[in-house]
Amino acid sequence: MNVKETLRSSYNQNAKLRDKPDVVSWKLLERDHFLSLLDKREQTTILDLGAGTGQHGRYMADHGFDVTCVDLSPNMVDACIQKGLKAIEMDMYRLSFEDDAFDGIWALNSLLHIPKADLLNVLREIRRVLKPGGVFYMGVYGGYNSEGIWEDDPYQPQRFFSFYDEIAMKETVSQVFTLQEFRTVSLDGMKLDFQGIVLRK
């Protein structure tokens, strides 16, 4: 199974379905918290990593940030461009940016598709393009340890997910970044919770 090609195909096929104006309230709170941690000045740069259809990127750009969106899916990138955003089709395993390029990096529910064997290398690549002292927000579902194809996934082809419990996630991210905050959001009726993680270079 090629995880990347499966994800690209799955998100390409569901880009229109995901392009909705409404975002659940707890995600908005997480986004606003991330933005509050940045020193807002002219040309404060943000990388929206796994930007999807660009709802968060558009909000950040509308609030004066210099936002670059990247996604593995060309259809997702097209949706971002249609919103007037700078957007590039890109694999987060190999980010084609210079070192220390961004003041902040926002990754909401994108790194949960990275196999556990690859996560540290991806985190190191993210760290490379973040400025010293910069803020990296990593939001993922978790609460227990698992990885593989989600058998109940309504998307076709079905997507690969990696989940971590709190201890495992903290141990993993702390190998690459300084862990500043670990916030947990309980999700009604779900075994999973949401982990909002603030990291510094």
N, C-alpha and C. Protein backbone atom coordinates (compact mmCIF):
# COMPACT_ATOMS: atom_id res chain seq x y z
N MET A 1 0.84 -1.20 0.00
CA MET A 1 0.00 0.00 0.00
C MET A 1 0.87 1.25 0.00
N ASN A 2 0.61 2.16 -0.91
CA ASN A 2 1.31 3.44 -0.94
C ASN A 2 0.43 4.47 -0.21
N VAL A 3 0.82 4.81 1.01
CA VAL A 3 -0.01 5.67 1.84
C VAL A 3 -0.24 7.02 1.17
N LYS A 4 0.80 7.60 0.60
CA LYS A 4 0.68 8.93 0.00
C LYS A 4 -0.27 8.93 -1.19
N GLU A 5 -0.11 7.96 -2.08
CA GLU A 5 -0.97 7.92 -3.26
C GLU A 5 -2.42 7.66 -2.89
N THR A 6 -2.63 6.83 -1.88
CA THR A 6 -3.99 6.57 -1.41
C THR A 6 -4.62 7.85 -0.85
N LEU A 7 -3.85 8.59 -0.05
CA LEU A 7 -4.37 9.84 0.51
C LEU A 7 -4.66 10.86 -0.58
N ARG A 8 -3.73 10.98 -1.51
CA ARG A 8 -3.93 11.95 -2.60
C ARG A 8 -5.23 11.63 -3.34
N SER A 9 -5.42 10.37 -3.68
CA SER A 9 -6.62 9.97 -4.41
C SER A 9 -7.88 10.20 -3.58
N SER A 10 -7.83 9.84 -2.31
CA SER A 10 -9.00 9.97 -1.44
C SER A 10 -9.41 11.43 -1.28
N TYR A 11 -8.44 12.30 -1.02
CA TYR A 11 -8.77 13.71 -0.83
C TYR A 11 -9.11 14.41 -2.14
N ASN A 12 -8.52 13.98 -3.24
CA ASN A 12 -8.94 14.52 -4.54
C ASN A 12 -10.42 14.27 -4.79
N GLN A 13 -10.85 13.06 -4.48
CA GLN A 13 -12.23 12.69 -4.75
C GLN A 13 -13.22 13.36 -3.80
N ASN A 14 -12.74 13.82 -2.64
CA ASN A 14 -13.65 14.38 -1.63
C ASN A 14 -13.42 15.86 -1.37
N ALA A 15 -12.67 16.52 -2.25
CA ALA A 15 -12.35 17.94 -2.03
C ALA A 15 -13.62 18.80 -2.00
N LYS A 16 -14.53 18.58 -2.93
CA LYS A 16 -15.75 19.39 -2.95
C LYS A 16 -16.59 19.15 -1.71
N LEU A 17 -16.66 17.90 -1.26
CA LEU A 17 -17.41 17.55 -0.05
C LEU A 17 -16.85 18.28 1.17
N ARG A 18 -15.54 18.46 1.21
CA ARG A 18 -14.89 19.06 2.37
C ARG A 18 -14.86 20.58 2.33
N ASP A 19 -15.22 21.16 1.20
CA ASP A 19 -15.12 22.61 1.04
C ASP A 19 -16.38 23.28 1.57
N LYS A 20 -16.47 23.34 2.89
CA LYS A 20 -17.65 23.90 3.56
C LYS A 20 -17.23 25.12 4.37
N PRO A 21 -18.11 26.12 4.47
CA PRO A 21 -17.75 27.32 5.22
C PRO A 21 -17.76 27.12 6.73
N ASP A 22 -18.55 26.18 7.21
CA ASP A 22 -18.69 26.00 8.66
C ASP A 22 -17.55 25.15 9.21
N VAL A 23 -16.98 25.61 10.32
CA VAL A 23 -15.93 24.88 11.04
C VAL A 23 -16.40 24.74 12.49
N VAL A 24 -16.24 23.55 13.06
CA VAL A 24 -16.73 23.33 14.43
C VAL A 24 -16.02 24.29 15.39
N SER A 25 -16.74 24.67 16.43
CA SER A 25 -16.29 25.77 17.30
C SER A 25 -14.97 25.49 17.98
N TRP A 26 -14.73 24.24 18.39
CA TRP A 26 -13.47 23.98 19.11
C TRP A 26 -12.26 24.11 18.19
N LYS A 27 -12.44 23.86 16.90
CA LYS A 27 -11.33 24.08 15.97
C LYS A 27 -11.03 25.57 15.81
N LEU A 28 -12.08 26.38 15.84
CA LEU A 28 -11.88 27.83 15.76
C LEU A 28 -11.12 28.33 16.97
N LEU A 29 -11.43 27.79 18.14
CA LEU A 29 -10.72 28.19 19.37
C LEU A 29 -9.25 27.80 19.30
N GLU A 30 -8.97 26.61 18.77
CA GLU A 30 -7.58 26.17 18.63
C GLU A 30 -6.83 27.08 17.66
N ARG A 31 -7.48 27.44 16.55
CA ARG A 31 -6.84 28.32 15.58
C ARG A 31 -6.54 29.69 16.17
N ASP A 32 -7.51 30.25 16.88
CA ASP A 32 -7.30 31.57 17.46
C ASP A 32 -6.23 31.54 18.54
N HIS A 33 -6.14 30.43 19.26
CA HIS A 33 -5.08 30.30 20.26
C HIS A 33 -3.71 30.29 19.58
N PHE A 34 -3.58 29.53 18.51
CA PHE A 34 -2.33 29.50 17.76
C PHE A 34 -1.93 30.90 17.29
N LEU A 35 -2.88 31.63 16.71
CA LEU A 35 -2.57 32.97 16.21
C LEU A 35 -2.18 33.92 17.33
N SER A 36 -2.76 33.71 18.51
CA SER A 36 -2.43 34.59 19.64
C SER A 36 -0.99 34.41 20.12
N LEU A 37 -0.37 33.30 19.75
CA LEU A 37 1.00 33.02 20.17
C LEU A 37 2.05 33.65 19.25
N LEU A 38 1.60 34.13 18.10
CA LEU A 38 2.52 34.72 17.13
C LEU A 38 2.68 36.21 17.39
N ASP A 39 3.88 36.71 17.21
CA ASP A 39 4.13 38.15 17.28
C ASP A 39 3.67 38.76 15.96
N LYS A 40 2.49 39.36 16.00
CA LYS A 40 1.94 39.88 14.74
C LYS A 40 2.64 41.17 14.35
N ARG A 41 3.21 41.14 13.18
CA ARG A 41 3.87 42.30 12.61
C ARG A 41 3.71 42.19 11.10
N GLU A 42 4.17 43.17 10.40
CA GLU A 42 4.07 43.11 8.94
C GLU A 42 4.83 41.89 8.42
N GLN A 43 4.14 41.12 7.58
CA GLN A 43 4.75 39.96 6.92
C GLN A 43 5.10 38.83 7.91
N THR A 44 4.29 38.64 8.94
CA THR A 44 4.43 37.45 9.77
C THR A 44 3.99 36.25 8.92
N THR A 45 4.89 35.28 8.76
CA THR A 45 4.66 34.19 7.81
C THR A 45 4.14 32.95 8.51
N ILE A 46 3.12 32.33 7.88
CA ILE A 46 2.54 31.09 8.38
C ILE A 46 2.51 30.07 7.26
N LEU A 47 2.92 28.85 7.57
CA LEU A 47 2.76 27.71 6.67
C LEU A 47 1.57 26.91 7.15
N ASP A 48 0.54 26.79 6.30
CA ASP A 48 -0.63 25.95 6.59
C ASP A 48 -0.34 24.60 5.95
N LEU A 49 0.02 23.64 6.78
CA LEU A 49 0.56 22.36 6.33
C LEU A 49 -0.54 21.30 6.29
N GLY A 50 -0.89 20.88 5.08
CA GLY A 50 -2.07 20.03 4.92
C GLY A 50 -3.30 20.92 4.99
N ALA A 51 -3.32 21.92 4.13
CA ALA A 51 -4.27 23.03 4.25
C ALA A 51 -5.69 22.65 3.85
N GLY A 52 -5.86 21.50 3.20
CA GLY A 52 -7.20 21.14 2.77
C GLY A 52 -7.74 22.17 1.79
N THR A 53 -8.99 22.57 1.97
CA THR A 53 -9.61 23.51 1.03
C THR A 53 -9.42 24.96 1.43
N GLY A 54 -8.64 25.22 2.48
CA GLY A 54 -8.18 26.58 2.75
C GLY A 54 -9.03 27.44 3.67
N GLN A 55 -9.97 26.83 4.42
CA GLN A 55 -10.78 27.65 5.32
C GLN A 55 -9.93 28.38 6.35
N HIS A 56 -9.00 27.65 6.97
CA HIS A 56 -8.17 28.27 8.01
C HIS A 56 -7.16 29.23 7.39
N GLY A 57 -6.59 28.84 6.27
CA GLY A 57 -5.64 29.72 5.60
C GLY A 57 -6.26 31.04 5.20
N ARG A 58 -7.50 30.99 4.70
CA ARG A 58 -8.19 32.22 4.30
C ARG A 58 -8.42 33.12 5.51
N TYR A 59 -8.82 32.53 6.63
CA TYR A 59 -9.04 33.31 7.85
C TYR A 59 -7.75 33.98 8.30
N MET A 60 -6.65 33.25 8.29
CA MET A 60 -5.37 33.80 8.72
C MET A 60 -4.92 34.93 7.79
N ALA A 61 -5.10 34.73 6.50
CA ALA A 61 -4.73 35.78 5.54
C ALA A 61 -5.60 37.02 5.73
N ASP A 62 -6.88 36.81 6.01
CA ASP A 62 -7.79 37.94 6.23
C ASP A 62 -7.44 38.72 7.49
N HIS A 63 -6.69 38.09 8.39
CA HIS A 63 -6.29 38.76 9.63
C HIS A 63 -4.83 39.24 9.58
N GLY A 64 -4.32 39.40 8.36
CA GLY A 64 -3.06 40.10 8.18
C GLY A 64 -1.82 39.26 8.15
N PHE A 65 -1.95 37.94 8.14
CA PHE A 65 -0.78 37.08 8.09
C PHE A 65 -0.44 36.71 6.65
N ASP A 66 0.84 36.48 6.41
CA ASP A 66 1.34 36.05 5.11
C ASP A 66 1.31 34.52 5.09
N VAL A 67 0.30 33.95 4.45
CA VAL A 67 0.02 32.52 4.55
C VAL A 67 0.42 31.80 3.26
N THR A 68 1.10 30.68 3.43
CA THR A 68 1.37 29.76 2.32
C THR A 68 0.71 28.43 2.66
N CYS A 69 -0.15 27.96 1.76
CA CYS A 69 -0.84 26.69 1.96
C CYS A 69 -0.16 25.59 1.15
N VAL A 70 0.01 24.43 1.75
CA VAL A 70 0.49 23.27 1.00
C VAL A 70 -0.41 22.08 1.29
N ASP A 71 -0.57 21.23 0.30
CA ASP A 71 -1.36 20.02 0.46
C ASP A 71 -0.89 19.00 -0.56
N LEU A 72 -1.08 17.74 -0.22
CA LEU A 72 -0.70 16.65 -1.12
C LEU A 72 -1.67 16.51 -2.28
N SER A 73 -2.89 16.96 -2.10
CA SER A 73 -3.95 16.79 -3.10
C SER A 73 -4.03 18.01 -4.02
N PRO A 74 -3.90 17.82 -5.33
CA PRO A 74 -4.03 18.96 -6.25
C PRO A 74 -5.42 19.59 -6.22
N ASN A 75 -6.45 18.80 -5.97
CA ASN A 75 -7.79 19.37 -5.90
C ASN A 75 -7.96 20.26 -4.67
N MET A 76 -7.31 19.89 -3.57
CA MET A 76 -7.32 20.74 -2.38
C MET A 76 -6.56 22.03 -2.65
N VAL A 77 -5.42 21.92 -3.32
CA VAL A 77 -4.64 23.11 -3.67
C VAL A 77 -5.46 24.04 -4.56
N ASP A 78 -6.18 23.48 -5.53
CA ASP A 78 -7.02 24.30 -6.40
C ASP A 78 -8.08 25.05 -5.60
N ALA A 79 -8.67 24.38 -4.60
CA ALA A 79 -9.68 25.03 -3.76
C ALA A 79 -9.07 26.21 -3.00
N CYS A 80 -7.83 26.06 -2.53
CA CYS A 80 -7.14 27.16 -1.84
C CYS A 80 -6.90 28.32 -2.80
N ILE A 81 -6.43 28.00 -4.01
CA ILE A 81 -6.15 29.04 -5.00
C ILE A 81 -7.42 29.80 -5.35
N GLN A 82 -8.54 29.09 -5.45
CA GLN A 82 -9.81 29.74 -5.76
C GLN A 82 -10.24 30.70 -4.65
N LYS A 83 -9.70 30.51 -3.45
CA LYS A 83 -9.98 31.44 -2.34
C LYS A 83 -8.96 32.58 -2.29
N GLY A 84 -8.10 32.66 -3.30
CA GLY A 84 -7.12 33.73 -3.37
C GLY A 84 -5.89 33.51 -2.54
N LEU A 85 -5.62 32.27 -2.18
CA LEU A 85 -4.47 31.94 -1.34
C LEU A 85 -3.28 31.49 -2.17
N LYS A 86 -2.08 31.72 -1.62
CA LYS A 86 -0.88 31.10 -2.18
C LYS A 86 -0.93 29.63 -1.77
N ALA A 87 -0.91 28.73 -2.75
CA ALA A 87 -1.04 27.31 -2.43
C ALA A 87 -0.19 26.49 -3.39
N ILE A 88 0.44 25.45 -2.83
CA ILE A 88 1.38 24.64 -3.58
C ILE A 88 1.11 23.17 -3.27
N GLU A 89 1.08 22.35 -4.32
CA GLU A 89 1.02 20.90 -4.12
C GLU A 89 2.38 20.42 -3.63
N MET A 90 2.41 19.80 -2.47
CA MET A 90 3.70 19.46 -1.87
C MET A 90 3.56 18.31 -0.89
N ASP A 91 4.61 17.53 -0.81
CA ASP A 91 4.74 16.41 0.11
C ASP A 91 5.45 16.91 1.37
N MET A 92 4.83 16.77 2.53
CA MET A 92 5.44 17.31 3.75
C MET A 92 6.69 16.55 4.18
N TYR A 93 6.96 15.42 3.55
CA TYR A 93 8.20 14.70 3.83
C TYR A 93 9.41 15.48 3.29
N ARG A 94 9.16 16.27 2.23
CA ARG A 94 10.25 17.04 1.60
C ARG A 94 9.70 18.42 1.25
N LEU A 95 9.80 19.32 2.19
CA LEU A 95 9.27 20.68 2.00
C LEU A 95 10.28 21.51 1.20
N SER A 96 9.82 22.07 0.11
CA SER A 96 10.74 22.81 -0.76
C SER A 96 10.79 24.28 -0.37
N PHE A 97 11.14 24.52 0.88
CA PHE A 97 11.34 25.87 1.40
C PHE A 97 12.73 25.96 2.01
N GLU A 98 13.23 27.18 2.09
CA GLU A 98 14.53 27.38 2.73
C GLU A 98 14.43 27.13 4.23
N ASP A 99 15.57 26.94 4.85
CA ASP A 99 15.61 26.83 6.30
C ASP A 99 15.07 28.11 6.93
N ASP A 100 14.43 27.97 8.09
CA ASP A 100 13.98 29.13 8.89
C ASP A 100 13.08 30.06 8.08
N ALA A 101 12.15 29.49 7.34
CA ALA A 101 11.33 30.29 6.43
C ALA A 101 10.07 30.87 7.07
N PHE A 102 9.54 30.24 8.13
CA PHE A 102 8.23 30.61 8.64
C PHE A 102 8.25 30.94 10.13
N ASP A 103 7.45 31.96 10.48
CA ASP A 103 7.29 32.33 11.90
C ASP A 103 6.41 31.33 12.63
N GLY A 104 5.44 30.78 11.93
CA GLY A 104 4.52 29.83 12.53
C GLY A 104 4.11 28.77 11.52
N ILE A 105 3.84 27.57 12.03
CA ILE A 105 3.35 26.47 11.18
C ILE A 105 2.11 25.89 11.83
N TRP A 106 1.07 25.75 11.04
CA TRP A 106 -0.24 25.26 11.49
C TRP A 106 -0.51 23.95 10.76
N ALA A 107 -0.70 22.87 11.50
CA ALA A 107 -0.98 21.56 10.90
C ALA A 107 -2.15 20.94 11.65
N LEU A 108 -3.35 21.12 11.12
CA LEU A 108 -4.56 20.62 11.76
C LEU A 108 -5.01 19.35 11.06
N ASN A 109 -4.92 18.23 11.78
CA ASN A 109 -5.40 16.94 11.30
C ASN A 109 -4.77 16.54 9.96
N SER A 110 -3.47 16.81 9.84
CA SER A 110 -2.75 16.35 8.65
C SER A 110 -1.65 15.35 9.02
N LEU A 111 -0.98 15.57 10.14
CA LEU A 111 0.09 14.65 10.51
C LEU A 111 -0.42 13.31 11.03
N LEU A 112 -1.71 13.21 11.25
CA LEU A 112 -2.26 11.93 11.69
C LEU A 112 -2.28 10.90 10.56
N HIS A 113 -1.94 11.33 9.34
CA HIS A 113 -1.83 10.39 8.23
C HIS A 113 -0.40 9.89 8.02
N ILE A 114 0.53 10.31 8.87
CA ILE A 114 1.94 9.90 8.73
C ILE A 114 2.16 8.59 9.48
N PRO A 115 2.67 7.55 8.82
CA PRO A 115 3.00 6.32 9.55
C PRO A 115 3.98 6.62 10.69
N LYS A 116 3.84 5.89 11.77
CA LYS A 116 4.65 6.17 12.95
C LYS A 116 6.14 6.05 12.67
N ALA A 117 6.52 5.15 11.78
CA ALA A 117 7.93 4.99 11.45
C ALA A 117 8.52 6.22 10.77
N ASP A 118 7.65 7.07 10.20
CA ASP A 118 8.11 8.24 9.45
C ASP A 118 7.95 9.56 10.21
N LEU A 119 7.23 9.55 11.34
CA LEU A 119 6.85 10.81 11.95
C LEU A 119 8.04 11.64 12.39
N LEU A 120 9.05 11.06 12.99
CA LEU A 120 10.18 11.85 13.46
C LEU A 120 10.88 12.57 12.31
N ASN A 121 11.05 11.88 11.18
CA ASN A 121 11.69 12.52 10.03
C ASN A 121 10.85 13.67 9.50
N VAL A 122 9.52 13.51 9.49
CA VAL A 122 8.65 14.59 9.05
C VAL A 122 8.72 15.76 10.03
N LEU A 123 8.74 15.48 11.31
CA LEU A 123 8.86 16.55 12.31
C LEU A 123 10.18 17.30 12.16
N ARG A 124 11.24 16.60 11.85
CA ARG A 124 12.54 17.26 11.65
C ARG A 124 12.49 18.17 10.42
N GLU A 125 11.79 17.74 9.38
CA GLU A 125 11.66 18.57 8.19
C GLU A 125 10.84 19.82 8.50
N ILE A 126 9.79 19.68 9.29
CA ILE A 126 9.00 20.83 9.71
C ILE A 126 9.85 21.78 10.54
N ARG A 127 10.63 21.24 11.46
CA ARG A 127 11.49 22.07 12.29
C ARG A 127 12.49 22.85 11.45
N ARG A 128 12.98 22.23 10.39
CA ARG A 128 13.97 22.89 9.53
C ARG A 128 13.43 24.19 8.95
N VAL A 129 12.15 24.21 8.54
CA VAL A 129 11.61 25.40 7.87
C VAL A 129 10.98 26.39 8.84
N LEU A 130 10.99 26.09 10.13
CA LEU A 130 10.47 27.00 11.15
C LEU A 130 11.60 27.87 11.69
N LYS A 131 11.33 29.15 11.86
CA LYS A 131 12.34 30.05 12.38
C LYS A 131 12.67 29.71 13.83
N PRO A 132 13.87 30.02 14.28
CA PRO A 132 14.20 29.84 15.70
C PRO A 132 13.21 30.58 16.59
N GLY A 133 12.68 29.89 17.58
CA GLY A 133 11.67 30.47 18.45
C GLY A 133 10.27 30.44 17.87
N GLY A 134 10.13 29.94 16.63
CA GLY A 134 8.83 29.91 15.98
C GLY A 134 7.87 28.92 16.63
N VAL A 135 6.59 29.09 16.30
CA VAL A 135 5.52 28.28 16.90
C VAL A 135 5.02 27.25 15.88
N PHE A 136 4.98 26.01 16.30
CA PHE A 136 4.40 24.94 15.49
C PHE A 136 3.19 24.40 16.23
N TYR A 137 2.01 24.54 15.62
CA TYR A 137 0.78 23.97 16.19
C TYR A 137 0.47 22.68 15.45
N MET A 138 0.41 21.59 16.20
CA MET A 138 0.11 20.27 15.65
C MET A 138 -1.18 19.77 16.30
N GLY A 139 -2.23 19.67 15.51
CA GLY A 139 -3.50 19.18 16.01
C GLY A 139 -3.83 17.84 15.39
N VAL A 140 -4.08 16.84 16.23
CA VAL A 140 -4.37 15.48 15.73
C VAL A 140 -5.42 14.82 16.62
N TYR A 141 -6.10 13.86 16.05
CA TYR A 141 -6.94 12.99 16.88
C TYR A 141 -6.07 11.93 17.50
N GLY A 142 -6.45 11.50 18.71
CA GLY A 142 -5.67 10.48 19.39
C GLY A 142 -6.39 10.00 20.64
N GLY A 143 -5.57 9.63 21.63
CA GLY A 143 -6.14 9.13 22.88
C GLY A 143 -5.82 7.68 23.13
N TYR A 144 -5.44 6.97 22.07
CA TYR A 144 -4.98 5.58 22.21
C TYR A 144 -4.01 5.31 21.07
N ASN A 145 -3.28 4.23 21.16
CA ASN A 145 -2.23 3.92 20.19
C ASN A 145 -2.73 2.95 19.13
N SER A 146 -2.64 3.40 17.87
CA SER A 146 -3.11 2.57 16.76
C SER A 146 -2.56 3.16 15.46
N GLU A 147 -2.43 2.34 14.44
CA GLU A 147 -2.16 2.84 13.10
C GLU A 147 -2.63 1.83 12.07
N GLY A 148 -3.07 2.36 10.93
CA GLY A 148 -3.53 1.51 9.84
C GLY A 148 -4.69 2.15 9.11
N ILE A 149 -5.23 1.41 8.16
CA ILE A 149 -6.39 1.87 7.40
C ILE A 149 -7.62 1.89 8.31
N TRP A 150 -8.36 2.99 8.26
CA TRP A 150 -9.61 3.09 9.01
C TRP A 150 -10.68 2.32 8.25
N GLU A 151 -11.07 1.18 8.80
CA GLU A 151 -11.96 0.27 8.07
C GLU A 151 -13.37 0.82 7.91
N ASP A 152 -13.77 1.77 8.78
CA ASP A 152 -15.10 2.38 8.67
C ASP A 152 -15.07 3.70 7.92
N ASP A 153 -13.94 4.01 7.31
CA ASP A 153 -13.81 5.27 6.59
C ASP A 153 -14.79 5.31 5.42
N PRO A 154 -15.64 6.36 5.35
CA PRO A 154 -16.55 6.46 4.21
C PRO A 154 -15.87 6.90 2.92
N TYR A 155 -14.65 7.43 3.03
CA TYR A 155 -13.92 7.86 1.84
C TYR A 155 -13.39 6.64 1.09
N GLN A 156 -13.29 6.79 -0.21
CA GLN A 156 -12.67 5.77 -1.05
C GLN A 156 -11.59 6.42 -1.90
N PRO A 157 -10.38 5.88 -1.95
CA PRO A 157 -9.92 4.76 -1.12
C PRO A 157 -9.83 5.16 0.35
N GLN A 158 -9.97 4.17 1.21
CA GLN A 158 -9.96 4.43 2.65
C GLN A 158 -8.57 4.91 3.10
N ARG A 159 -8.57 5.82 4.07
CA ARG A 159 -7.35 6.52 4.48
C ARG A 159 -6.61 5.81 5.62
N PHE A 160 -5.33 6.08 5.68
CA PHE A 160 -4.44 5.59 6.74
C PHE A 160 -4.39 6.61 7.87
N PHE A 161 -4.49 6.14 9.11
CA PHE A 161 -4.42 7.02 10.28
C PHE A 161 -3.44 6.45 11.30
N SER A 162 -2.73 7.36 11.98
CA SER A 162 -1.90 7.01 13.14
C SER A 162 -2.43 7.77 14.35
N PHE A 163 -2.67 7.06 15.43
CA PHE A 163 -3.14 7.67 16.67
C PHE A 163 -2.16 7.35 17.80
N TYR A 164 -2.03 8.31 18.72
CA TYR A 164 -1.12 8.17 19.86
C TYR A 164 -1.88 8.50 21.14
N ASP A 165 -1.55 7.80 22.22
CA ASP A 165 -2.04 8.28 23.51
C ASP A 165 -1.17 9.47 23.95
N GLU A 166 -1.57 10.12 25.01
CA GLU A 166 -0.90 11.36 25.41
C GLU A 166 0.57 11.14 25.73
N ILE A 167 0.89 10.08 26.45
CA ILE A 167 2.28 9.83 26.83
C ILE A 167 3.14 9.60 25.60
N ALA A 168 2.67 8.76 24.68
CA ALA A 168 3.45 8.45 23.48
C ALA A 168 3.65 9.67 22.60
N MET A 169 2.60 10.48 22.48
CA MET A 169 2.72 11.68 21.65
C MET A 169 3.70 12.67 22.26
N LYS A 170 3.59 12.91 23.55
CA LYS A 170 4.52 13.83 24.20
C LYS A 170 5.97 13.37 24.04
N GLU A 171 6.20 12.07 24.22
CA GLU A 171 7.56 11.54 24.09
C GLU A 171 8.08 11.71 22.66
N THR A 172 7.22 11.54 21.68
CA THR A 172 7.64 11.62 20.28
C THR A 172 7.98 13.06 19.88
N VAL A 173 7.06 13.98 20.11
CA VAL A 173 7.30 15.36 19.65
C VAL A 173 8.45 16.02 20.41
N SER A 174 8.67 15.59 21.66
CA SER A 174 9.74 16.19 22.47
C SER A 174 11.12 15.79 22.00
N GLN A 175 11.20 14.81 21.11
CA GLN A 175 12.50 14.45 20.54
C GLN A 175 12.98 15.48 19.51
N VAL A 176 12.06 16.31 19.02
CA VAL A 176 12.40 17.24 17.95
C VAL A 176 12.16 18.69 18.35
N PHE A 177 11.11 18.94 19.12
CA PHE A 177 10.71 20.29 19.51
C PHE A 177 10.66 20.43 21.03
N THR A 178 10.59 21.69 21.48
CA THR A 178 10.27 21.97 22.87
C THR A 178 8.76 21.99 23.01
N LEU A 179 8.24 21.13 23.87
CA LEU A 179 6.80 21.03 24.08
C LEU A 179 6.35 22.15 25.02
N GLN A 180 5.49 23.03 24.51
CA GLN A 180 5.03 24.17 25.29
C GLN A 180 3.65 23.92 25.89
N GLU A 181 2.74 23.33 25.13
CA GLU A 181 1.39 23.06 25.62
C GLU A 181 0.88 21.77 25.03
N PHE A 182 0.07 21.07 25.80
CA PHE A 182 -0.64 19.89 25.30
C PHE A 182 -2.07 20.01 25.78
N ARG A 183 -2.97 20.31 24.85
CA ARG A 183 -4.37 20.56 25.17
C ARG A 183 -5.20 19.39 24.64
N THR A 184 -6.14 18.91 25.45
CA THR A 184 -7.00 17.81 25.03
C THR A 184 -8.45 18.28 24.95
N VAL A 185 -9.08 17.95 23.84
CA VAL A 185 -10.50 18.25 23.65
C VAL A 185 -11.26 16.93 23.59
N SER A 186 -12.19 16.73 24.50
CA SER A 186 -13.02 15.52 24.48
C SER A 186 -14.08 15.66 23.40
N LEU A 187 -14.30 14.56 22.67
CA LEU A 187 -15.26 14.56 21.57
C LEU A 187 -16.43 13.67 21.95
N ASP A 188 -17.60 14.25 21.99
CA ASP A 188 -18.79 13.53 22.44
C ASP A 188 -19.04 12.29 21.59
N GLY A 189 -19.25 11.17 22.29
CA GLY A 189 -19.64 9.94 21.61
C GLY A 189 -18.53 9.26 20.84
N MET A 190 -17.28 9.68 21.03
CA MET A 190 -16.17 9.10 20.28
C MET A 190 -15.11 8.54 21.22
N LYS A 191 -14.50 7.46 20.80
CA LYS A 191 -13.38 6.88 21.54
C LYS A 191 -12.16 7.81 21.48
N LEU A 192 -12.04 8.50 20.36
CA LEU A 192 -10.92 9.41 20.15
C LEU A 192 -11.13 10.72 20.92
N ASP A 193 -10.02 11.38 21.22
CA ASP A 193 -10.08 12.78 21.62
C ASP A 193 -9.23 13.58 20.63
N PHE A 194 -9.13 14.87 20.86
CA PHE A 194 -8.31 15.72 20.00
C PHE A 194 -7.17 16.26 20.82
N GLN A 195 -5.97 16.22 20.25
CA GLN A 195 -4.76 16.70 20.93
C GLN A 195 -4.27 17.96 20.23
N GLY A 196 -4.32 19.08 20.94
CA GLY A 196 -3.81 20.34 20.42
C GLY A 196 -2.45 20.61 21.04
N ILE A 197 -1.41 20.57 20.23
CA ILE A 197 -0.04 20.58 20.74
C ILE A 197 0.68 21.82 20.24
N VAL A 198 1.22 22.60 21.16
CA VAL A 198 1.99 23.80 20.81
C VAL A 198 3.46 23.48 21.05
N LEU A 199 4.26 23.64 19.99
CA LEU A 199 5.67 23.29 20.04
C LEU A 199 6.51 24.50 19.61
N ARG A 200 7.72 24.56 20.12
CA ARG A 200 8.65 25.64 19.77
C ARG A 200 9.96 25.06 19.27
N LYS A 201 10.55 25.80 18.34
CA LYS A 201 11.88 25.43 17.85
C LYS A 201 12.94 26.00 18.77
